[in-house]
Each structure stands twice: as C-alpha cells, then as structure tokens.
Amino acid sequence: MTLNKTPHSYRDIPTRGAHPMGRRVVIGIPTAGRPGIVAQTVRFLSRQSRLPDLVVLSVGDISHTGGIEMADLPFQVEVVLGPKGLSRQRNAILNRLRTDDILMFLDDDFLMAPDYLFEVERIFDENPDIVLTTGTLIADGIRGPGLGFAQGEALLAEAIKTPAERTFRPVDNGYGCNMALRARTVILQDLWFDENLPLYSWLEDVDFCLRLQKFGRFVLPSVTRGVHLGTKTGRTPGLNLGYSQIANPVYMMRKGTLSWKRARKLMLRNMASNLLGTLRPRPWADYRGRLIGNFKAIGDAFTGRCDPMRILSFNRNRTFEEGRWRKTAP
C-alpha cells in the first residue's frame, strides 16, 4: 500500500509554495457533521489578540460550515470542499499554504486562550529550529461526556486569570486538536497526512508527526492554553473506530512509522478501555461496538486481511448519540 500524497480531488487548487506577500498565521479546521459547533468556534477566534490572517474550513459538504456570516468576521474565511475523511481534509488545508506560513490545526470544538496565536507566532519567530508546537490543555472533554460551549468558555476564562510562564518542554508528537506547524518544513519535505487512514483517521496526527520529527523540535509551551470540548455529535460509529484502533497501528508498524512496542501499547490500552466501558456502559461512547471492532481487526490480522481501508465497507449510515444508534443520511 502506498502513501497518497497530493489528493487528486484538489489538483485544481493552486500549488502550495512561496508567495510574495510573506508569512501568514493560518488556522485550518477540518470538520464534518457539526455545523453548530464549528460556527461558534470560528466566531470565538475573533477574541484572539493576534487575529489569524486566514481561516480555512475543510468540509465535505457546504452545510457543515454552519452558515457562518463571513462578512461579520475580522479575518478572511475560506471554505475548501472535498472528499470526507480527516486525512484528506487536513491535506486540503496543507495545499493552501505558502512557504512562510504558520499553520494552526484546530478541531472544530477547541477554544484557544486569547493570546494563543500571539504566543505561537512569538515562539516560531524566536526559535527557528522548532517545527511544531502543541497546546497545554486546561480541560479535555474527549475523556468523558464532553463539555458544552458555555462550560468550556467558563473553564478557559477562569484558567487565564493566572498568567502562564513562558516555558516549554519537548514532546514526541502534537495533539491533532491543536497543533501549529512551520509550513516551510512541511512543504520542503513534501509531507502529507496518510489518506490510507480513512474517515476519522485514527492516529493520523501521530503518523504525520513521526515523519516530521526528524526535521526539527516539537514543544509544548505552558502559555498556549485551551479547552477541547470533546463534542460527541458526528462521531465515527464504534465498530469503525474499534477496527481502526487495531488496524491503523498495525498499518503504521508495517510501513515503519510506529514501533512494535508503541503499537502494542496503544492497542492494549484501547482494548482495556473498551472492555471496561463494555462492562460499565457510558451513554457518550459505544464501547461495545469498539470492542467488537477490535476483535474483528485482530481476526483480520491473523488472516492477512487487516487493512485500515476495510472500514469503508462497513455500515456508515448510523451514528452513536446519547447512548443509542441513530440513522443518518447516506
């Protein structure tokens, strides 16, 4: 299986590269099926002391933008349409970059402290060997039922009352919900997200970072703070996600970006979590479906059929919300 590089669906978009207008701070938000939350998140960016020069929304359908009134925003918003899938949508954003840009990847439910972009720009300016930064999480709703927007705002407002020290520590990879990249390195090294990790693209951020890390330092600054709401709507069905939790690490191990030791640790941790969640069900996650997906992938591994792309043949017309499955439009 080969690594898909330039997405064929975006070849009509101008090639990324140098531009006479110089460096921009670009925010890229891949989103699907959560129009309400992404519209709120984009409006929230207006609170940044250093406004973004451009916000790129990468979507599979124009309705997923939430009908944002772009004329009311103090920055430019560009919508890029293309095939659904997190890796593909991230690549569509990468294809909009100029060499001197700083790209801030955000999840559609991540709230940044007002000085976040200012501090990211300062760090990249002062440290030319840094190629990636990732934020300090005040709270992460992904580990529970999720946080409401107002709840996330309140947590953030309380946290930033205490100034953060301008220090940072090294990290092995960025957290896909909020990570900033030096575009020059990504472009010159011809790096893309692997589209063989489809749909929710489990571990696509880790896979990308493991290929990027040889070209510079990764750091987690104390001062780049934010809240990840962990919104549960529009999530991948449990069976699909569970299959990806095994198939994606196996695939990454085979192609050499993930060590066997780390792959085994990730797979065992996910299976243990899914087993516990099956025994003690929670309404915000389909742990039973995930566990079934885990075992399905393990079975396929023994027969040589384990492949991340297999989830494309699974039933995708259902989503798990509020403890039960709901049908969605094809």
Protein backbone atom coordinates (compact mmCIF):
# COMPACT_ATOMS: atom_id res chain seq x y z
CA MET A 1 0.00 0.00 0.00
CA THR A 2 1.45 3.39 -0.98
CA LEU A 3 1.19 6.71 0.80
CA ASN A 4 -1.21 9.01 -1.01
CA LYS A 5 0.42 12.42 -1.30
CA THR A 6 -1.26 15.15 -3.33
CA PRO A 7 -5.03 14.47 -3.17
CA HIS A 8 -6.33 14.20 -6.73
CA SER A 9 -9.52 15.99 -5.74
CA TYR A 10 -7.58 19.17 -5.02
CA ARG A 11 -5.44 19.45 -8.13
CA ASP A 12 -7.49 22.42 -9.31
CA ILE A 13 -6.28 24.32 -6.24
CA PRO A 14 -3.09 26.41 -6.76
CA THR A 15 0.09 24.59 -5.72
CA ARG A 16 1.31 25.42 -2.24
CA GLY A 17 4.63 27.27 -2.07
CA ALA A 18 6.40 30.61 -1.80
CA HIS A 19 4.36 33.79 -2.16
CA PRO A 20 5.49 37.42 -2.36
CA MET A 21 3.03 38.51 0.35
CA GLY A 22 5.10 36.77 3.02
CA ARG A 23 4.19 34.97 6.25
CA ARG A 24 0.65 34.47 7.48
CA VAL A 25 -0.83 32.77 10.51
CA VAL A 26 -3.39 30.35 9.09
CA ILE A 27 -5.92 28.35 11.09
CA GLY A 28 -7.10 25.10 9.48
CA ILE A 29 -10.26 23.42 10.74
CA PRO A 30 -11.35 20.08 9.23
CA THR A 31 -14.97 19.46 10.18
CA ALA A 32 -17.87 17.12 9.35
CA GLY A 33 -21.42 16.91 10.59
CA ARG A 34 -21.16 19.53 13.36
CA PRO A 35 -22.29 22.84 11.81
CA GLY A 36 -23.46 24.36 15.08
CA ILE A 37 -20.23 23.90 16.98
CA VAL A 38 -17.88 24.90 14.14
CA ALA A 39 -19.74 28.19 13.63
CA GLN A 40 -19.35 29.02 17.33
CA THR A 41 -15.66 28.06 17.31
CA VAL A 42 -14.90 30.26 14.28
CA ARG A 43 -16.65 33.24 15.88
CA PHE A 44 -14.70 32.61 19.09
CA LEU A 45 -11.46 33.18 17.13
CA SER A 46 -12.39 36.88 16.99
CA ARG A 47 -11.18 37.12 20.60
CA GLN A 48 -7.56 36.45 19.64
CA SER A 49 -5.23 39.35 20.39
CA ARG A 50 -3.33 38.33 17.25
CA LEU A 51 -6.05 37.62 14.71
CA PRO A 52 -5.48 34.89 12.11
CA ASP A 53 -4.75 36.08 8.59
CA LEU A 54 -6.86 33.26 7.17
CA VAL A 55 -9.18 30.54 8.49
CA VAL A 56 -9.60 27.53 6.19
CA LEU A 57 -12.63 25.30 6.76
CA SER A 58 -12.18 21.91 5.09
CA VAL A 59 -15.54 20.21 4.61
CA GLY A 60 -17.23 17.51 2.58
CA ASP A 61 -20.46 19.48 2.31
CA ILE A 62 -21.09 23.23 2.43
CA SER A 63 -23.83 22.73 5.04
CA HIS A 64 -21.16 21.61 7.52
CA THR A 65 -19.88 25.20 7.83
CA GLY A 66 -22.88 26.17 9.93
CA GLY A 67 -23.88 29.09 7.70
CA ILE A 68 -21.18 31.37 9.12
CA GLU A 69 -21.71 35.04 8.23
CA MET A 70 -18.18 35.71 7.00
CA ALA A 71 -18.81 39.42 6.48
CA ASP A 72 -19.14 39.85 10.24
CA LEU A 73 -15.71 38.33 11.00
CA PRO A 74 -12.46 40.34 11.36
CA PHE A 75 -10.47 37.81 9.30
CA GLN A 76 -10.77 36.01 5.98
CA VAL A 77 -12.52 32.62 5.89
CA GLU A 78 -12.05 30.21 3.01
CA VAL A 79 -14.13 27.06 2.56
CA VAL A 80 -12.49 24.11 0.78
CA LEU A 81 -14.81 21.36 -0.45
CA GLY A 82 -13.56 17.83 -0.98
CA PRO A 83 -13.99 14.18 -0.03
CA LYS A 84 -14.80 13.48 3.59
CA GLY A 85 -12.08 11.96 5.77
CA LEU A 86 -9.81 13.63 8.31
CA SER A 87 -6.54 12.91 6.49
CA ARG A 88 -7.98 14.11 3.18
CA GLN A 89 -9.43 17.23 4.79
CA ARG A 90 -6.14 18.03 6.52
CA ASN A 91 -4.32 17.64 3.19
CA ALA A 92 -6.73 20.07 1.54
CA ILE A 93 -5.67 22.61 4.18
CA LEU A 94 -1.95 21.88 3.68
CA ASN A 95 -2.45 22.53 -0.01
CA ARG A 96 -3.47 26.14 0.74
CA LEU A 97 -0.18 27.06 2.45
CA ARG A 98 2.61 29.40 1.43
CA THR A 99 6.18 28.60 2.42
CA ASP A 100 6.46 31.28 5.11
CA ASP A 101 3.13 30.50 6.82
CA ILE A 102 2.48 29.16 10.28
CA LEU A 103 -0.43 26.71 10.23
CA MET A 104 -2.54 26.15 13.32
CA PHE A 105 -4.61 22.96 13.06
CA LEU A 106 -7.70 23.17 15.27
CA ASP A 107 -10.52 20.76 15.95
CA ASP A 108 -13.93 22.32 15.39
CA ASP A 109 -14.54 22.21 19.16
CA PHE A 110 -11.28 23.67 20.50
CA LEU A 111 -11.29 27.02 22.32
CA MET A 112 -7.99 28.93 22.44
CA ALA A 113 -6.94 31.40 25.11
CA PRO A 114 -6.96 34.98 23.70
CA ASP A 115 -3.15 35.15 23.48
CA TYR A 116 -2.68 31.70 21.92
CA LEU A 117 -1.84 32.81 18.36
CA PHE A 118 0.32 35.69 19.60
CA GLU A 119 2.41 33.26 21.65
CA VAL A 120 2.64 30.68 18.85
CA GLU A 121 3.94 33.31 16.43
CA ARG A 122 6.46 34.56 19.00
CA ILE A 123 7.76 31.03 19.68
CA PHE A 124 8.28 30.28 15.98
CA ASP A 125 9.97 33.66 15.42
CA GLU A 126 12.37 33.21 18.34
CA ASN A 127 13.15 29.51 17.75
CA PRO A 128 13.90 28.69 14.10
CA ASP A 129 14.61 25.03 14.98
CA ILE A 130 11.06 24.44 16.27
CA VAL A 131 8.77 22.91 13.63
CA LEU A 132 5.73 22.06 15.77
CA THR A 133 4.02 23.30 18.91
CA THR A 134 1.01 21.79 20.67
CA GLY A 135 -1.12 23.40 23.36
CA THR A 136 -1.50 22.96 27.09
CA LEU A 137 -4.97 21.57 27.79
CA ILE A 138 -6.94 23.18 30.58
CA ALA A 139 -9.63 20.54 30.08
CA ASP A 140 -10.32 17.77 27.57
CA GLY A 141 -13.93 16.66 27.22
CA ILE A 142 -12.95 13.77 24.95
CA ARG A 143 -12.26 11.66 28.05
CA GLY A 144 -15.83 11.98 29.31
CA PRO A 145 -19.30 13.09 28.20
CA GLY A 146 -17.92 16.24 26.60
CA LEU A 147 -18.18 19.90 27.57
CA GLY A 148 -20.76 22.43 26.48
CA PHE A 149 -19.56 25.61 24.79
CA ALA A 150 -20.51 27.82 27.73
CA GLN A 151 -18.84 25.39 30.12
CA GLY A 152 -15.65 25.45 28.04
CA GLU A 153 -15.67 29.26 27.94
CA ALA A 154 -16.03 29.42 31.73
CA LEU A 155 -13.16 26.98 32.32
CA LEU A 156 -10.94 28.95 29.97
CA ALA A 157 -11.83 32.32 31.48
CA GLU A 158 -11.05 31.04 34.98
CA ALA A 159 -7.73 29.48 33.96
CA ILE A 160 -6.32 32.55 32.19
CA LYS A 161 -6.79 34.68 35.30
CA THR A 162 -3.45 33.15 36.33
CA PRO A 163 -0.63 34.13 33.94
CA ALA A 164 1.32 31.20 32.50
CA GLU A 165 5.11 31.05 32.45
CA ARG A 166 6.75 31.37 29.07
CA THR A 167 8.42 27.98 29.21
CA PHE A 168 8.08 24.87 27.10
CA ARG A 169 9.06 21.24 27.25
CA PRO A 170 9.87 18.75 24.47
CA VAL A 171 7.18 16.35 23.26
CA ASP A 172 7.17 13.41 20.84
CA ASN A 173 4.12 14.48 18.81
CA GLY A 174 1.39 17.07 18.59
CA TYR A 175 -2.23 16.60 19.61
CA GLY A 176 -4.29 16.91 16.44
CA CYS A 177 -6.97 19.04 18.12
CA ASN A 178 -4.48 21.92 18.43
CA MET A 179 -1.04 21.88 16.88
CA ALA A 180 0.91 24.51 14.97
CA LEU A 181 3.31 23.67 12.12
CA ARG A 182 6.07 25.57 10.36
CA ALA A 183 4.86 25.44 6.75
CA ARG A 184 8.35 25.77 5.25
CA THR A 185 9.43 22.42 6.70
CA VAL A 186 6.23 20.63 5.72
CA ILE A 187 6.37 21.95 2.16
CA LEU A 188 10.08 21.44 1.52
CA GLN A 189 9.94 17.88 2.89
CA ASP A 190 6.76 17.15 0.90
CA LEU A 191 4.86 15.87 3.93
CA TRP A 192 1.17 14.93 3.78
CA PHE A 193 -1.29 13.11 6.00
CA ASP A 194 -1.71 9.47 5.00
CA GLU A 195 -5.03 9.02 3.19
CA ASN A 196 -4.82 5.27 3.69
CA LEU A 197 -6.11 6.11 7.19
CA PRO A 198 -9.70 6.91 6.15
CA LEU A 199 -12.72 8.63 7.71
CA TYR A 200 -11.91 9.54 11.34
CA SER A 201 -8.27 8.64 10.51
CA TRP A 202 -7.33 7.33 13.95
CA LEU A 203 -3.67 8.24 14.75
CA GLU A 204 -3.22 10.30 11.56
CA ASP A 205 -1.69 13.08 13.68
CA VAL A 206 0.79 10.67 15.29
CA ASP A 207 1.73 9.18 11.90
CA PHE A 208 2.33 12.65 10.45
CA CYS A 209 4.36 13.80 13.46
CA LEU A 210 6.56 10.72 13.43
CA ARG A 211 7.58 11.64 9.89
CA LEU A 212 8.00 15.35 10.70
CA GLN A 213 10.02 15.00 13.92
CA LYS A 214 13.36 14.31 12.17
CA PHE A 215 13.34 17.86 10.78
CA GLY A 216 13.12 19.89 13.98
CA ARG A 217 11.95 20.23 17.57
CA PHE A 218 8.45 19.61 18.93
CA VAL A 219 7.48 21.57 22.06
CA LEU A 220 4.53 22.03 24.41
CA PRO A 221 4.53 25.64 25.70
CA SER A 222 2.89 26.42 29.03
CA VAL A 223 1.46 29.64 27.65
CA THR A 224 -0.51 28.22 24.68
CA ARG A 225 -3.63 27.19 26.57
CA GLY A 226 -7.03 25.96 25.50
CA VAL A 227 -10.05 23.76 26.16
CA HIS A 228 -11.02 20.78 23.99
CA LEU A 229 -14.78 20.37 24.34
CA GLY A 230 -14.79 16.78 23.06
CA THR A 231 -18.17 17.21 21.37
CA LYS A 232 -19.78 13.82 20.82
CA THR A 233 -22.07 14.53 17.86
CA GLY A 234 -20.91 13.44 14.40
CA ARG A 235 -18.53 10.82 15.78
CA THR A 236 -17.39 7.67 13.98
CA PRO A 237 -19.50 4.54 14.77
CA GLY A 238 -17.97 2.34 17.48
CA LEU A 239 -17.34 -0.62 15.16
CA ASN A 240 -15.38 1.56 12.72
CA LEU A 241 -13.36 3.26 15.42
CA GLY A 242 -12.62 -0.03 17.18
CA TYR A 243 -11.38 -1.57 13.94
CA SER A 244 -9.17 1.48 13.31
CA GLN A 245 -7.74 1.26 16.84
CA ILE A 246 -6.09 -2.02 15.80
CA ALA A 247 -5.75 -1.77 12.02
CA ASN A 248 -4.17 1.69 11.95
CA PRO A 249 -1.31 0.90 14.39
CA VAL A 250 -0.67 -2.38 12.51
CA TYR A 251 -0.50 -0.47 9.22
CA MET A 252 1.81 2.19 10.69
CA MET A 253 4.05 -0.50 12.14
CA ARG A 254 4.28 -2.25 8.76
CA LYS A 255 5.28 0.94 6.95
CA GLY A 256 7.83 1.80 9.64
CA THR A 257 6.44 4.95 11.30
CA LEU A 258 5.41 3.21 14.54
CA SER A 259 7.49 0.79 16.59
CA TRP A 260 6.08 -2.58 17.60
CA LYS A 261 6.46 -1.63 21.28
CA ARG A 262 4.44 1.56 20.92
CA ALA A 263 1.84 -0.06 18.64
CA ARG A 264 1.29 -2.87 21.16
CA LYS A 265 0.92 -0.36 24.00
CA LEU A 266 -1.67 1.66 22.08
CA MET A 267 -3.69 -1.39 21.06
CA LEU A 268 -3.71 -2.96 24.54
CA ARG A 269 -4.66 0.33 26.18
CA ASN A 270 -7.59 0.81 23.79
CA MET A 271 -8.82 -2.75 24.23
CA ALA A 272 -8.65 -2.47 28.01
CA SER A 273 -10.60 0.80 27.92
CA ASN A 274 -13.23 -0.69 25.60
CA LEU A 275 -13.60 -3.80 27.77
CA LEU A 276 -14.10 -1.66 30.88
CA GLY A 277 -16.58 0.54 29.03
CA THR A 278 -18.50 -2.53 27.87
CA LEU A 279 -18.78 -3.81 31.43
CA ARG A 280 -19.70 -0.32 32.69
CA PRO A 281 -21.50 1.34 29.76
CA ARG A 282 -21.46 5.11 29.33
CA PRO A 283 -24.06 6.96 27.21
CA TRP A 284 -21.44 9.05 25.39
CA ALA A 285 -19.47 6.23 23.76
CA ASP A 286 -20.20 2.89 22.07
CA TYR A 287 -17.55 0.85 23.89
CA ARG A 288 -19.18 -2.44 22.96
CA GLY A 289 -19.04 -1.55 19.26
CA ARG A 290 -15.41 -0.52 19.65
CA LEU A 291 -14.53 -3.81 21.32
CA ILE A 292 -16.23 -5.78 18.54
CA GLY A 293 -14.24 -3.73 16.04
CA ASN A 294 -11.03 -4.51 17.95
CA PHE A 295 -11.62 -8.25 17.71
CA LYS A 296 -12.70 -8.01 14.07
CA ALA A 297 -9.37 -6.33 13.22
CA ILE A 298 -7.40 -8.91 15.22
CA GLY A 299 -9.17 -11.69 13.34
CA ASP A 300 -8.34 -10.00 10.05
CA ALA A 301 -4.70 -9.65 11.15
CA PHE A 302 -4.45 -13.43 11.53
CA THR A 303 -5.88 -13.98 8.04
CA GLY A 304 -3.81 -11.24 6.41
CA ARG A 305 -6.85 -9.04 5.69
CA CYS A 306 -6.24 -6.34 8.29
CA ASP A 307 -6.31 -3.01 6.44
CA PRO A 308 -7.42 0.47 7.62
CA MET A 309 -9.42 0.92 4.40
CA ARG A 310 -11.70 -2.01 5.32
CA ILE A 311 -13.92 0.33 7.38
CA LEU A 312 -15.12 1.91 4.14
CA SER A 313 -17.16 -1.26 3.55
CA PHE A 314 -18.82 -1.10 6.98
CA ASN A 315 -22.26 0.42 7.58
CA ARG A 316 -21.70 4.18 7.86
CA ASN A 317 -25.31 5.36 7.87
CA ARG A 318 -25.55 5.36 11.66
CA THR A 319 -24.08 7.49 14.44
CA PHE A 320 -23.93 6.86 18.18
CA GLU A 321 -25.59 9.63 20.17
CA GLU A 322 -26.91 9.74 23.74
CA GLY A 323 -26.35 6.04 24.33
CA ARG A 324 -28.01 4.69 21.23
CA TRP A 325 -27.59 4.41 17.48
CA ARG A 326 -29.35 6.84 15.14
CA LYS A 327 -29.68 6.61 11.38
CA THR A 328 -28.13 9.41 9.35
CA ALA A 329 -28.41 10.44 5.72
CA PRO A 330 -26.22 8.39 3.35
